[in-house]
C-alpha atoms as a PDB file:
ATOM      1  CA  MET A   1     126.681  92.038  93.163  1.00  0.00           C
ATOM      2  CA  SER A   2     129.308  94.792  92.093  1.00  0.00           C
ATOM      3  CA  THR A   3     129.520  96.154  88.465  1.00  0.00           C
ATOM      4  CA  GLU A   4     131.976  98.018  86.535  1.00  0.00           C
ATOM      5  CA  THR A   5     131.147 101.723  87.222  1.00  0.00           C
ATOM      6  CA  THR A   6     133.467 103.827  85.355  1.00  0.00           C
ATOM      7  CA  ALA A   7     133.634 104.581  81.852  1.00  0.00           C
ATOM      8  CA  ALA A   8     137.727 103.974  81.589  1.00  0.00           C
ATOM      9  CA  ARG A   9     140.569 103.972  83.815  1.00  0.00           C
ATOM     10  CA  GLY A  10     140.893 107.212  85.642  1.00  0.00           C
ATOM     11  CA  HIS A  11     137.654 108.418  85.060  1.00  0.00           C
ATOM     12  CA  PRO A  12     135.444 108.701  88.131  1.00  0.00           C
ATOM     13  CA  ARG A  13     132.630 106.510  89.713  1.00  0.00           C
ATOM     14  CA  ILE A  14     128.928 106.990  88.854  1.00  0.00           C
ATOM     15  CA  ALA A  15     128.295 107.406  92.665  1.00  0.00           C
ATOM     16  CA  ALA A  16     124.508 107.229  92.168  1.00  0.00           C
ATOM     17  CA  LEU A  17     125.054 103.306  91.079  1.00  0.00           C
ATOM     18  CA  ASP A  18     126.751 102.802  93.881  1.00  0.00           C
ATOM     19  CA  VAL A  19     123.904 104.302  96.254  1.00  0.00           C
ATOM     20  CA  LEU A  20     121.456 102.498  94.498  1.00  0.00           C
ATOM     21  CA  ARG A  21     123.250  99.379  94.692  1.00  0.00           C
ATOM     22  CA  GLY A  22     123.881  99.060  98.623  1.00  0.00           C
ATOM     23  CA  PHE A  23     120.275 100.008  98.901  1.00  0.00           C
ATOM     24  CA  ALA A  24     119.416  97.090  96.906  1.00  0.00           C
ATOM     25  CA  LEU A  25     121.652  95.094  98.797  1.00  0.00           C
ATOM     26  CA  CYS A  26     119.234  95.965 102.322  1.00  0.00           C
ATOM     27  CA  GLY A  27     116.717  95.152 100.369  1.00  0.00           C
ATOM     28  CA  ILE A  28     117.424  92.297  99.436  1.00  0.00           C
ATOM     29  CA  LEU A  29     119.071  90.645 102.796  1.00  0.00           C
ATOM     30  CA  LEU A  30     115.826  91.009 104.444  1.00  0.00           C
ATOM     31  CA  VAL A  31     114.000  88.809 101.780  1.00  0.00           C
ATOM     32  CA  ASN A  32     117.136  86.405 101.858  1.00  0.00           C
ATOM     33  CA  VAL A  33     118.241  86.256 105.818  1.00  0.00           C
ATOM     34  CA  ARG A  34     114.655  83.354 105.694  1.00  0.00           C
ATOM     35  CA  ILE A  35     115.598  81.966 102.596  1.00  0.00           C
ATOM     36  CA  ILE A  36     119.196  81.078 103.207  1.00  0.00           C
ATOM     37  CA  THR A  37     118.216  79.300 105.938  1.00  0.00           C
ATOM     38  CA  SER A  38     115.153  77.405 104.270  1.00  0.00           C
ATOM     39  CA  SER A  39     112.983  79.311 106.735  1.00  0.00           C
ATOM     40  CA  GLY A  40     111.338  80.210 103.722  1.00  0.00           C
ATOM     41  CA  PRO A  41     108.676  83.231 103.394  1.00  0.00           C
ATOM     42  CA  PRO A  42     105.662  83.262 105.237  1.00  0.00           C
ATOM     43  CA  PRO A  43     102.184  82.807 103.624  1.00  0.00           C
ATOM     44  CA  ALA A  44     101.486  85.823 102.045  1.00  0.00           C
ATOM     45  CA  ALA A  45      97.899  86.023 102.821  1.00  0.00           C
ATOM     46  CA  ASP A  46      97.980  85.612 106.978  1.00  0.00           C
ATOM     47  CA  LEU A  47      98.339  89.454 106.740  1.00  0.00           C
ATOM     48  CA  ASP A  48      98.522  89.038 110.633  1.00  0.00           C
ATOM     49  CA  ASP A  49     101.851  88.130 109.970  1.00  0.00           C
ATOM     50  CA  PRO A  50     104.182  91.238 110.645  1.00  0.00           C
ATOM     51  CA  LEU A  51     106.882  89.244 108.154  1.00  0.00           C
ATOM     52  CA  VAL A  52     104.297  89.544 105.423  1.00  0.00           C
ATOM     53  CA  TRP A  53     103.754  92.920 105.320  1.00  0.00           C
ATOM     54  CA  LEU A  54     108.050  93.225 105.526  1.00  0.00           C
ATOM     55  CA  GLY A  55     107.805  90.406 102.504  1.00  0.00           C
ATOM     56  CA  LEU A  56     104.741  93.068 100.888  1.00  0.00           C
ATOM     57  CA  ALA A  57     107.278  96.012 100.969  1.00  0.00           C
ATOM     58  CA  THR A  58     110.660  93.485  99.921  1.00  0.00           C
ATOM     59  CA  SER A  59     109.841  90.847  98.038  1.00  0.00           C
ATOM     60  CA  GLN A  60     110.838  90.794  94.135  1.00  0.00           C
ATOM     61  CA  ARG A  61     111.532  94.295  94.751  1.00  0.00           C
ATOM     62  CA  PHE A  62     115.316  94.665  95.109  1.00  0.00           C
ATOM     63  CA  LEU A  63     116.550  91.817  92.993  1.00  0.00           C
ATOM     64  CA  PRO A  64     114.455  93.949  89.895  1.00  0.00           C
ATOM     65  CA  VAL A  65     116.994  96.914  90.897  1.00  0.00           C
ATOM     66  CA  PHE A  66     120.540  94.159  91.219  1.00  0.00           C
ATOM     67  CA  ALA A  67     119.436  92.981  87.576  1.00  0.00           C
ATOM     68  CA  LEU A  68     118.994  96.650  85.999  1.00  0.00           C
ATOM     69  CA  LEU A  69     122.127  97.849  87.801  1.00  0.00           C
ATOM     70  CA  PHE A  70     123.813  94.475  86.149  1.00  0.00           C
ATOM     71  CA  GLY A  71     123.004  95.308  82.902  1.00  0.00           C
ATOM     72  CA  MET A  72     123.815  98.931  83.356  1.00  0.00           C
ATOM     73  CA  GLY A  73     127.149  97.978  84.809  1.00  0.00           C
ATOM     74  CA  PHE A  74     127.792  95.698  81.566  1.00  0.00           C
ATOM     75  CA  ALA A  75     127.013  98.175  78.931  1.00  0.00           C
ATOM     76  CA  LEU A  76     129.554 101.159  80.706  1.00  0.00           C
ATOM     77  CA  LEU A  77     132.101  97.877  81.361  1.00  0.00           C
ATOM     78  CA  ALA A  78     131.733  97.290  77.307  1.00  0.00           C
ATOM     79  CA  GLU A  79     131.952 101.163  76.473  1.00  0.00           C
ATOM     80  CA  SER A  80     135.100 100.892  78.178  1.00  0.00           C
ATOM     81  CA  ALA A  81     136.420  97.857  77.073  1.00  0.00           C
ATOM     82  CA  ALA A  82     135.857  99.615  73.641  1.00  0.00           C
ATOM     83  CA  ARG A  83     138.764 102.225  74.387  1.00  0.00           C
ATOM     84  CA  ARG A  84     140.980  99.802  75.802  1.00  0.00           C
ATOM     85  CA  SER A  85     140.982  96.597  74.076  1.00  0.00           C
ATOM     86  CA  ARG A  86     141.174  95.796  70.533  1.00  0.00           C
ATOM     87  CA  ARG A  87     139.148  92.454  71.514  1.00  0.00           C
ATOM     88  CA  PRO A  88     136.337  94.174  73.935  1.00  0.00           C
ATOM     89  CA  ARG A  89     133.668  91.259  73.688  1.00  0.00           C
ATOM     90  CA  LEU A  90     136.804  88.921  74.370  1.00  0.00           C
ATOM     91  CA  VAL A  91     137.136  91.206  77.822  1.00  0.00           C
ATOM     92  CA  LEU A  92     133.285  91.243  78.519  1.00  0.00           C
ATOM     93  CA  LEU A  93     133.235  87.304  78.091  1.00  0.00           C
ATOM     94  CA  ARG A  94     135.850  86.885  80.330  1.00  0.00           C
ATOM     95  CA  ARG A  95     133.895  89.541  83.051  1.00  0.00           C
ATOM     96  CA  LEU A  96     131.110  86.357  82.866  1.00  0.00           C
ATOM     97  CA  LEU A  97     133.231  83.201  82.797  1.00  0.00           C
ATOM     98  CA  ALA A  98     135.035  84.519  85.812  1.00  0.00           C
ATOM     99  CA  LEU A  99     131.348  85.661  87.724  1.00  0.00           C
ATOM    100  CA  LEU A 100     130.318  81.845  86.579  1.00  0.00           C
ATOM    101  CA  ALA A 101     133.691  80.494  88.317  1.00  0.00           C
ATOM    102  CA  ILE A 102     132.947  82.644  91.456  1.00  0.00           C
ATOM    103  CA  GLY A 103     129.290  82.088  91.860  1.00  0.00           C
ATOM    104  CA  LEU A 104     130.074  77.748  91.711  1.00  0.00           C
ATOM    105  CA  PRO A 105     131.195  77.489  94.988  1.00  0.00           C
ATOM    106  CA  HIS A 106     128.590  80.070  96.359  1.00  0.00           C
ATOM    107  CA  LEU A 107     125.658  77.799  94.221  1.00  0.00           C
ATOM    108  CA  LEU A 108     127.209  75.000  97.226  1.00  0.00           C
ATOM    109  CA  LEU A 109     126.818  76.947 100.007  1.00  0.00           C
ATOM    110  CA  TRP A 110     123.475  78.474  99.083  1.00  0.00           C
ATOM    111  CA  PRO A 111     121.061  77.190  96.016  1.00  0.00           C
ATOM    112  CA  GLY A 112     119.203  79.614  96.102  1.00  0.00           C
ATOM    113  CA  GLU A 113     122.182  82.444  94.629  1.00  0.00           C
ATOM    114  CA  ILE A 114     122.308  84.597  91.566  1.00  0.00           C
ATOM    115  CA  LEU A 115     125.347  84.752  91.198  1.00  0.00           C
ATOM    116  CA  THR A 116     125.979  81.802  88.398  1.00  0.00           C
ATOM    117  CA  ALA A 117     122.376  82.882  86.732  1.00  0.00           C
ATOM    118  CA  TYR A 118     123.460  86.423  86.180  1.00  0.00           C
ATOM    119  CA  ALA A 119     126.982  84.886  84.736  1.00  0.00           C
ATOM    120  CA  VAL A 120     124.618  82.147  82.594  1.00  0.00           C
ATOM    121  CA  LEU A 121     122.301  85.507  81.530  1.00  0.00           C
ATOM    122  CA  GLY A 122     124.603  87.577  80.163  1.00  0.00           C
ATOM    123  CA  LEU A 123     126.179  84.431  78.135  1.00  0.00           C
ATOM    124  CA  ALA A 124     122.872  84.501  76.186  1.00  0.00           C
ATOM    125  CA  VAL A 125     121.783  87.853  76.308  1.00  0.00           C
ATOM    126  CA  LEU A 126     124.099  90.430  77.394  1.00  0.00           C
ATOM    127  CA  LEU A 127     127.105  89.161  74.849  1.00  0.00           C
ATOM    128  CA  PRO A 128     125.153  89.187  71.728  1.00  0.00           C
ATOM    129  CA  SER A 129     123.239  92.543  72.612  1.00  0.00           C
ATOM    130  CA  THR A 130     126.744  94.153  71.866  1.00  0.00           C
ATOM    131  CA  TRP A 131     126.187  93.301  68.411  1.00  0.00           C
ATOM    132  CA  LEU A 132     122.469  94.963  68.036  1.00  0.00           C
ATOM    133  CA  PRO A 133     121.814  98.614  67.937  1.00  0.00           C
ATOM    134  CA  ARG A 134     120.466 100.473  70.935  1.00  0.00           C
ATOM    135  CA  TRP A 135     116.538 100.419  69.890  1.00  0.00           C
ATOM    136  CA  ALA A 136     117.151  96.888  68.862  1.00  0.00           C
ATOM    137  CA  VAL A 137     118.137  95.970  72.689  1.00  0.00           C
ATOM    138  CA  ALA A 138     115.318  98.616  74.207  1.00  0.00           C
ATOM    139  CA  VAL A 139     112.591  96.426  71.757  1.00  0.00           C
ATOM    140  CA  LEU A 140     114.150  92.981  73.164  1.00  0.00           C
ATOM    141  CA  SER A 141     113.790  94.524  76.717  1.00  0.00           C
ATOM    142  CA  ALA A 142     110.243  95.032  76.536  1.00  0.00           C
ATOM    143  CA  ALA A 143     109.384  92.117  74.827  1.00  0.00           C
ATOM    144  CA  CYS A 144     110.961  90.259  77.679  1.00  0.00           C
ATOM    145  CA  LEU A 145     109.288  91.797  80.468  1.00  0.00           C
ATOM    146  CA  ALA A 146     106.389  91.374  78.851  1.00  0.00           C
ATOM    147  CA  VAL A 147     106.605  87.641  77.988  1.00  0.00           C
ATOM    148  CA  GLY A 148     108.003  87.142  81.561  1.00  0.00           C
ATOM    149  CA  LEU A 149     105.170  89.195  83.462  1.00  0.00           C
ATOM    150  CA  ALA A 150     102.589  87.520  81.729  1.00  0.00           C
ATOM    151  CA  PHE A 151     104.219  83.984  81.813  1.00  0.00           C
ATOM    152  CA  GLY A 152     104.425  83.282  85.525  1.00  0.00           C
ATOM    153  CA  GLY A 153     105.549  86.776  86.294  1.00  0.00           C
ATOM    154  CA  GLY A 154     109.211  86.554  86.820  1.00  0.00           C
ATOM    155  CA  GLY A 155     112.263  84.066  85.773  1.00  0.00           C
ATOM    156  CA  PRO A 156     114.990  84.489  84.212  1.00  0.00           C
ATOM    157  CA  LEU A 157     112.612  86.254  81.259  1.00  0.00           C
ATOM    158  CA  LEU A 158     111.904  88.713  83.486  1.00  0.00           C
ATOM    159  CA  VAL A 159     115.504  89.446  84.261  1.00  0.00           C
ATOM    160  CA  ALA A 160     116.511  89.036  80.926  1.00  0.00           C
ATOM    161  CA  GLY A 161     114.652  92.531  80.081  1.00  0.00           C
ATOM    162  CA  LEU A 162     115.716  93.758  82.704  1.00  0.00           C
ATOM    163  CA  PHE A 163     119.949  93.250  82.148  1.00  0.00           C
ATOM    164  CA  LEU A 164     118.384  94.819  78.358  1.00  0.00           C
ATOM    165  CA  LEU A 165     117.002  98.010  80.225  1.00  0.00           C
ATOM    166  CA  GLY A 166     120.128  98.534  82.236  1.00  0.00           C
ATOM    167  CA  ALA A 167     122.395  98.450  79.174  1.00  0.00           C
ATOM    168  CA  ALA A 168     119.756 100.417  76.736  1.00  0.00           C
ATOM    169  CA  LEU A 169     119.494 103.244  79.517  1.00  0.00           C
ATOM    170  CA  VAL A 170     123.387 103.059  79.345  1.00  0.00           C
ATOM    171  CA  ARG A 171     123.406 103.163  75.632  1.00  0.00           C
ATOM    172  CA  TYR A 172     121.078 105.989  75.492  1.00  0.00           C
ATOM    173  CA  GLY A 173     123.132 107.752  77.630  1.00  0.00           C
ATOM    174  CA  ALA A 174     120.767 107.730  81.097  1.00  0.00           C
ATOM    175  CA  ALA A 175     123.445 106.641  83.566  1.00  0.00           C
ATOM    176  CA  ARG A 176     125.457 109.839  82.778  1.00  0.00           C
ATOM    177  CA  ARG A 177     122.168 112.182  83.762  1.00  0.00           C
ATOM    178  CA  LEU A 178     121.632 110.380  87.290  1.00  0.00           C
ATOM    179  CA  ASP A 179     123.005 113.786  88.641  1.00  0.00           C
ATOM    180  CA  GLY A 180     120.453 115.787  86.978  1.00  0.00           C
ATOM    181  CA  PRO A 181     117.840 118.192  87.568  1.00  0.00           C
ATOM    182  CA  ALA A 182     115.208 116.176  90.104  1.00  0.00           C
ATOM    183  CA  ARG A 183     111.875 116.517  88.196  1.00  0.00           C
ATOM    184  CA  THR A 184     112.632 113.525  85.493  1.00  0.00           C
ATOM    185  CA  PRO A 185     113.248 111.031  88.466  1.00  0.00           C
ATOM    186  CA  ALA A 186     110.776 112.557  90.656  1.00  0.00           C
ATOM    187  CA  LEU A 187     107.521 112.542  87.532  1.00  0.00           C
ATOM    188  CA  LEU A 188     108.549 109.125  87.110  1.00  0.00           C
ATOM    189  CA  GLY A 189     108.647 107.942  91.175  1.00  0.00           C
ATOM    190  CA  LEU A 190     105.125 109.341  90.836  1.00  0.00           C
ATOM    191  CA  ALA A 191     104.086 106.970  88.092  1.00  0.00           C
ATOM    192  CA  PHE A 192     105.372 103.736  89.582  1.00  0.00           C
ATOM    193  CA  ALA A 193     103.748 104.708  92.484  1.00  0.00           C
ATOM    194  CA  ALA A 194     100.359 104.902  91.423  1.00  0.00           C
ATOM    195  CA  GLY A 195     100.352 102.205  89.486  1.00  0.00           C
ATOM    196  CA  ALA A 196     102.152 100.060  92.465  1.00  0.00           C
ATOM    197  CA  LEU A 197      99.394 100.466  94.518  1.00  0.00           C
ATOM    198  CA  PRO A 198      96.751  99.277  92.080  1.00  0.00           C
ATOM    199  CA  ALA A 199      99.070  96.138  91.872  1.00  0.00           C
ATOM    200  CA  LEU A 200      99.698  95.565  95.398  1.00  0.00           C
ATOM    201  CA  TRP A 201      96.082  95.277  95.657  1.00  0.00           C
ATOM    202  CA  TRP A 202      95.459  92.861  93.095  1.00  0.00           C
ATOM    203  CA  GLN A 203      98.756  90.253  94.575  1.00  0.00           C
ATOM    204  CA  VAL A 204      97.320  90.607  97.991  1.00  0.00           C
ATOM    205  CA  ARG A 205      93.654  89.151  96.599  1.00  0.00           C
ATOM    206  CA  ALA A 206      95.481  87.297  94.151  1.00  0.00           C
ATOM    207  CA  ALA A 207      97.716  85.573  96.910  1.00  0.00           C
ATOM    208  CA  ALA A 208      94.210  85.049  99.190  1.00  0.00           C
ATOM    209  CA  SER A 209      92.367  83.425  96.694  1.00  0.00           C
ATOM    210  CA  ASP A 210      95.198  80.887  95.427  1.00  0.00           C
ATOM    211  CA  SER A 211      95.296  82.474  91.903  1.00  0.00           C
ATOM    212  CA  PRO A 212      97.211  81.370  89.268  1.00  0.00           C
ATOM    213  CA  ALA A 213      97.680  85.078  88.345  1.00  0.00           C
ATOM    214  CA  PHE A 214      99.597  85.536  91.894  1.00  0.00           C
ATOM    215  CA  GLY A 215     102.873  85.309  90.334  1.00  0.00           C
ATOM    216  CA  THR A 216     102.065  87.631  87.356  1.00  0.00           C
ATOM    217  CA  ALA A 217     101.213  90.243  90.358  1.00  0.00           C
ATOM    218  CA  LEU A 218     103.723  89.554  92.492  1.00  0.00           C
ATOM    219  CA  GLY A 219     106.064  90.422  89.255  1.00  0.00           C
ATOM    220  CA  LEU A 220     103.700  93.649  88.498  1.00  0.00           C
ATOM    221  CA  ALA A 221     103.799  94.798  91.595  1.00  0.00           C
ATOM    222  CA  GLY A 222     107.873  94.114  92.150  1.00  0.00           C
ATOM    223  CA  LEU A 223     108.683  96.249  89.000  1.00  0.00           C
ATOM    224  CA  LEU A 224     106.378  99.525  89.772  1.00  0.00           C
ATOM    225  CA  MET A 225     107.866  99.285  93.059  1.00  0.00           C
ATOM    226  CA  ALA A 226     111.480  98.551  92.216  1.00  0.00           C
ATOM    227  CA  GLY A 227     110.893 101.506  90.131  1.00  0.00           C
ATOM    228  CA  ALA A 228     109.383 103.687  92.746  1.00  0.00           C
ATOM    229  CA  TYR A 229     112.237 102.634  95.256  1.00  0.00           C
ATOM    230  CA  VAL A 230     114.939 103.702  92.399  1.00  0.00           C
ATOM    231  CA  CYS A 231     113.371 106.970  91.664  1.00  0.00           C
ATOM    232  CA  ALA A 232     113.013 108.198  95.261  1.00  0.00           C
ATOM    233  CA  VAL A 233     116.551 107.661  95.934  1.00  0.00           C
ATOM    234  CA  LEU A 234     117.482 109.566  92.730  1.00  0.00           C
ATOM    235  CA  VAL A 235     115.330 112.745  94.321  1.00  0.00           C
ATOM    236  CA  LEU A 236     117.079 112.403  97.798  1.00  0.00           C
ATOM    237  CA  LEU A 237     120.162 112.128  96.108  1.00  0.00           C
ATOM    238  CA  ARG A 238     119.664 116.056  94.927  1.00  0.00           C
ATOM    239  CA  THR A 239     118.459 117.102  98.334  1.00  0.00           C
ATOM    240  CA  PRO A 240     120.793 118.388 101.319  1.00  0.00           C
ATOM    241  CA  LEU A 241     120.527 114.191 102.520  1.00  0.00           C
ATOM    242  CA  ARG A 242     123.002 113.175  99.521  1.00  0.00           C
ATOM    243  CA  PRO A 243     125.979 113.009 101.709  1.00  0.00           C
ATOM    244  CA  VAL A 244     124.204 111.188 104.289  1.00  0.00           C
ATOM    245  CA  LEU A 245     123.253 108.676 101.713  1.00  0.00           C
ATOM    246  CA  ARG A 246     126.364 108.032 100.333  1.00  0.00           C
ATOM    247  CA  ALA A 247     127.538 107.382 103.403  1.00  0.00           C
ATOM    248  CA  ALA A 248     125.310 104.771 104.448  1.00  0.00           C
ATOM    249  CA  PHE A 249     124.829 103.270 101.097  1.00  0.00           C
ATOM    250  CA  GLU A 250     127.983 103.977  98.220  1.00  0.00           C
ATOM    251  CA  PRO A 251     130.814 101.670 100.661  1.00  0.00           C
ATOM    252  CA  LEU A 252     128.263  98.855 100.248  1.00  0.00           C
ATOM    253  CA  GLY A 253     127.575  99.262  96.954  1.00  0.00           C
ATOM    254  CA  ARG A 254     130.895  99.509  95.560  1.00  0.00           C
ATOM    255  CA  MET A 255     131.616  96.079  97.559  1.00  0.00           C
ATOM    256  CA  ALA A 256     128.645  94.244  96.861  1.00  0.00           C
ATOM    257  CA  LEU A 257     129.564  91.364  95.782  1.00  0.00           C
ATOM    258  CA  THR A 258     132.356  90.735  98.390  1.00  0.00           C
ATOM    259  CA  ASN A 259     129.111  91.644 100.661  1.00  0.00           C
ATOM    260  CA  ASP A 260     127.120  89.350  98.978  1.00  0.00           C
ATOM    261  CA  LEU A 261     129.058  86.307  99.382  1.00  0.00           C
ATOM    262  CA  THR A 262     129.874  87.285 103.090  1.00  0.00           C
ATOM    263  CA  ALA A 263     126.071  88.298 103.840  1.00  0.00           C
ATOM    264  CA  THR A 264     125.111  84.071 103.069  1.00  0.00           C
ATOM    265  CA  VAL A 265     127.870  82.813 105.328  1.00  0.00           C
ATOM    266  CA  LEU A 266     127.199  85.337 107.913  1.00  0.00           C
ATOM    267  CA  VAL A 267     123.691  84.429 108.026  1.00  0.00           C
ATOM    268  CA  LEU A 268     124.076  80.903 107.796  1.00  0.00           C
ATOM    269  CA  ALA A 269     127.053  80.984 111.038  1.00  0.00           C
ATOM    270  CA  ALA A 270     124.025  83.272 112.849  1.00  0.00           C
ATOM    271  CA  GLY A 271     120.996  80.581 112.474  1.00  0.00           C
ATOM    272  CA  ARG A 272     123.411  78.012 113.190  1.00  0.00           C
ATOM    273  CA  LEU A 273     125.479  79.154 115.982  1.00  0.00           C
ATOM    274  CA  LEU A 274     122.490  81.374 118.090  1.00  0.00           C
ATOM    275  CA  GLY A 275     119.803  78.904 116.792  1.00  0.00           C
ATOM    276  CA  LEU A 276     117.455  81.533 114.852  1.00  0.00           C
ATOM    277  CA  GLU A 277     114.700  79.955 113.222  1.00  0.00           C
ATOM    278  CA  PHE A 278     114.041  83.550 111.988  1.00  0.00           C
ATOM    279  CA  ASP A 279     110.434  83.000 112.735  1.00  0.00           C
ATOM    280  CA  THR A 280     109.972  86.711 114.436  1.00  0.00           C
ATOM    281  CA  LEU A 281     110.050  89.941 112.605  1.00  0.00           C
ATOM    282  CA  ALA A 282     112.778  90.910 115.703  1.00  0.00           C
ATOM    283  CA  GLN A 283     114.836  88.674 114.070  1.00  0.00           C
ATOM    284  CA  VAL A 284     115.252  88.743 110.616  1.00  0.00           C
ATOM    285  CA  LEU A 285     115.683  92.375 111.079  1.00  0.00           C
ATOM    286  CA  LEU A 286     118.331  92.580 114.173  1.00  0.00           C
ATOM    287  CA  THR A 287     120.201  89.872 111.850  1.00  0.00           C
ATOM    288  CA  ALA A 288     120.210  92.150 109.021  1.00  0.00           C
ATOM    289  CA  GLY A 289     120.889  95.147 110.782  1.00  0.00           C
ATOM    290  CA  ALA A 290     124.081  93.240 112.524  1.00  0.00           C
ATOM    291  CA  VAL A 291     125.105  91.706 109.479  1.00  0.00           C
ATOM    292  CA  LEU A 292     124.939  94.982 107.246  1.00  0.00           C
ATOM    293  CA  GLY A 293     126.936  97.022 109.997  1.00  0.00           C
ATOM    294  CA  ALA A 294     129.777  94.729 110.520  1.00  0.00           C
ATOM    295  CA  GLN A 295     130.083  95.134 106.384  1.00  0.00           C
ATOM    296  CA  TRP A 296     129.637  98.582 106.268  1.00  0.00           C
ATOM    297  CA  MET A 297     132.359  98.881 108.639  1.00  0.00           C
ATOM    298  CA  PHE A 298     134.095  96.414 106.761  1.00  0.00           C
ATOM    299  CA  SER A 299     133.950  98.013 103.366  1.00  0.00           C
ATOM    300  CA  VAL A 300     134.914 101.956 104.517  1.00  0.00           C
ATOM    301  CA  LEU A 301     137.723 100.280 106.652  1.00  0.00           C
ATOM    302  CA  TRP A 302     139.054  98.663 103.083  1.00  0.00           C
ATOM    303  CA  LEU A 303     138.134 101.311 100.711  1.00  0.00           C
ATOM    304  CA  ARG A 304     140.020 103.950 102.572  1.00  0.00           C
ATOM    305  CA  ARG A 305     143.471 101.981 100.992  1.00  0.00           C
ATOM    306  CA  TYR A 306     141.947  99.773  98.288  1.00  0.00           C
ATOM    307  CA  ARG A 307     140.231 100.525  94.759  1.00  0.00           C
ATOM    308  CA  GLN A 308     138.264  97.785  94.973  1.00  0.00           C
ATOM    309  CA  GLY A 309     136.573  94.852  97.608  1.00  0.00           C
ATOM    310  CA  PRO A 310     138.631  91.575  97.337  1.00  0.00           C
ATOM    311  CA  VAL A 311     136.036  89.724  95.325  1.00  0.00           C
ATOM    312  CA  GLU A 312     135.973  92.742  93.232  1.00  0.00           C
ATOM    313  CA  TRP A 313     139.711  92.910  92.824  1.00  0.00           C
ATOM    314  CA  VAL A 314     139.597  89.533  91.633  1.00  0.00           C
ATOM    315  CA  TRP A 315     137.013  89.628  88.804  1.00  0.00           C
ATOM    316  CA  ARG A 316     138.583  92.889  87.826  1.00  0.00           C
ATOM    317  CA  TRP A 317     141.780  91.104  87.283  1.00  0.00           C
ATOM    318  CA  ALA A 318     140.139  88.008  85.141  1.00  0.00           C
ATOM    319  CA  THR A 319     138.191  90.481  83.483  1.00  0.00           C
ATOM    320  CA  TRP A 320     141.043  92.477  82.258  1.00  0.00           C
ATOM    321  CA  ALA A 321     143.755  89.255  82.345  1.00  0.00           C
ATOM    322  CA  GLY A 322     145.879  91.501  84.080  1.00  0.00           C
ATOM    323  CA  LEU A 323     146.621  92.887  87.706  1.00  0.00           C
ATOM    324  CA  PRO A 324     144.746  95.954  88.329  1.00  0.00           C
ATOM    325  CA  SER A 325     146.387  98.039  91.216  1.00  0.00           C
ATOM    326  CA  ARG A 326     144.563  97.329  94.401  1.00  0.00           C
ATOM    327  CA  ARG A 327     145.788 101.055  95.763  1.00  0.00           C
ATOM    328  CA  ALA A 328     143.443 103.435  96.551  1.00  0.00           C
ATOM    329  CA  SER A 329     143.290 106.736  94.565  1.00  0.00           C
ATOM    330  CA  PRO A 330     141.252 109.731  94.243  1.00  0.00           C
ATOM    331  CA  SER A 331     140.099 108.512  90.782  1.00  0.00           C
ATOM    332  CA  ALA A 332     138.190 105.511  92.626  1.00  0.00           C
ATOM    333  CA  GLY A 333     135.712 106.172  94.506  1.00  0.00           C
END
């Protein structure tokens, strides 16, 4: 899902956020190919199934990244709205209501979609958080994450905690320092990876024994691996691989809302028209690769001409209650 990443009109986008969003989009699609078509994930304890290993690497690993980025995007928009509007919270309210309107038709197509849930949680958590000091947002985030992990390992509380964490990071200035020295994300990434190893072992053991702690183990492993993935991408963006990563993921990230919606249509079409069951690793990888390849090409061509993706344009128009320019400009990217 795309979020507003400009600090104000005419300011450059934060490229690292677009890259992370595109990266997360790819991982989420690998998980959702089976879920969208109601094939469901394979049994978590069947380690002889290659799809299980794909699930260990992807399931609940990329949705936390998306939730974090959504919270960051909301906070960045709040900063922009405070400068550009006399009633900034009305802008934020329109943003979330527009997302709800976009998500409802998608919900009819696929009951597992997240846009409506993000809109409702945003109204319940993110909008009220704009009245709180940043330290209170950070404390509330930690509380939501702790309770969410303790009771089931996921669900609305965990997502709300990630929303608030993203908002707190922006309010403490972290978003503006994403292109700083590699030392901080490298050290954080090592810490996340070190914590993820025992969490993954716990997840596999809990699944094998059908333990009631499986949800907590899955949620904890997911958060730690998501943190490791984010830090790895941020470190690689400080290497000569930066142009490659930007070329591969930034177009997808800048049009993530459009791509999220079209991915559902494309996966359902592939399953029904080609009669695919998505019961093998090859089918999942080939389908996800074909969908992402088509979306990447469309995104690149569209962004050469326009500032936002087509659905992003509608969302921005509803947010600002006016018709924004669709033409591309140097300040758009």
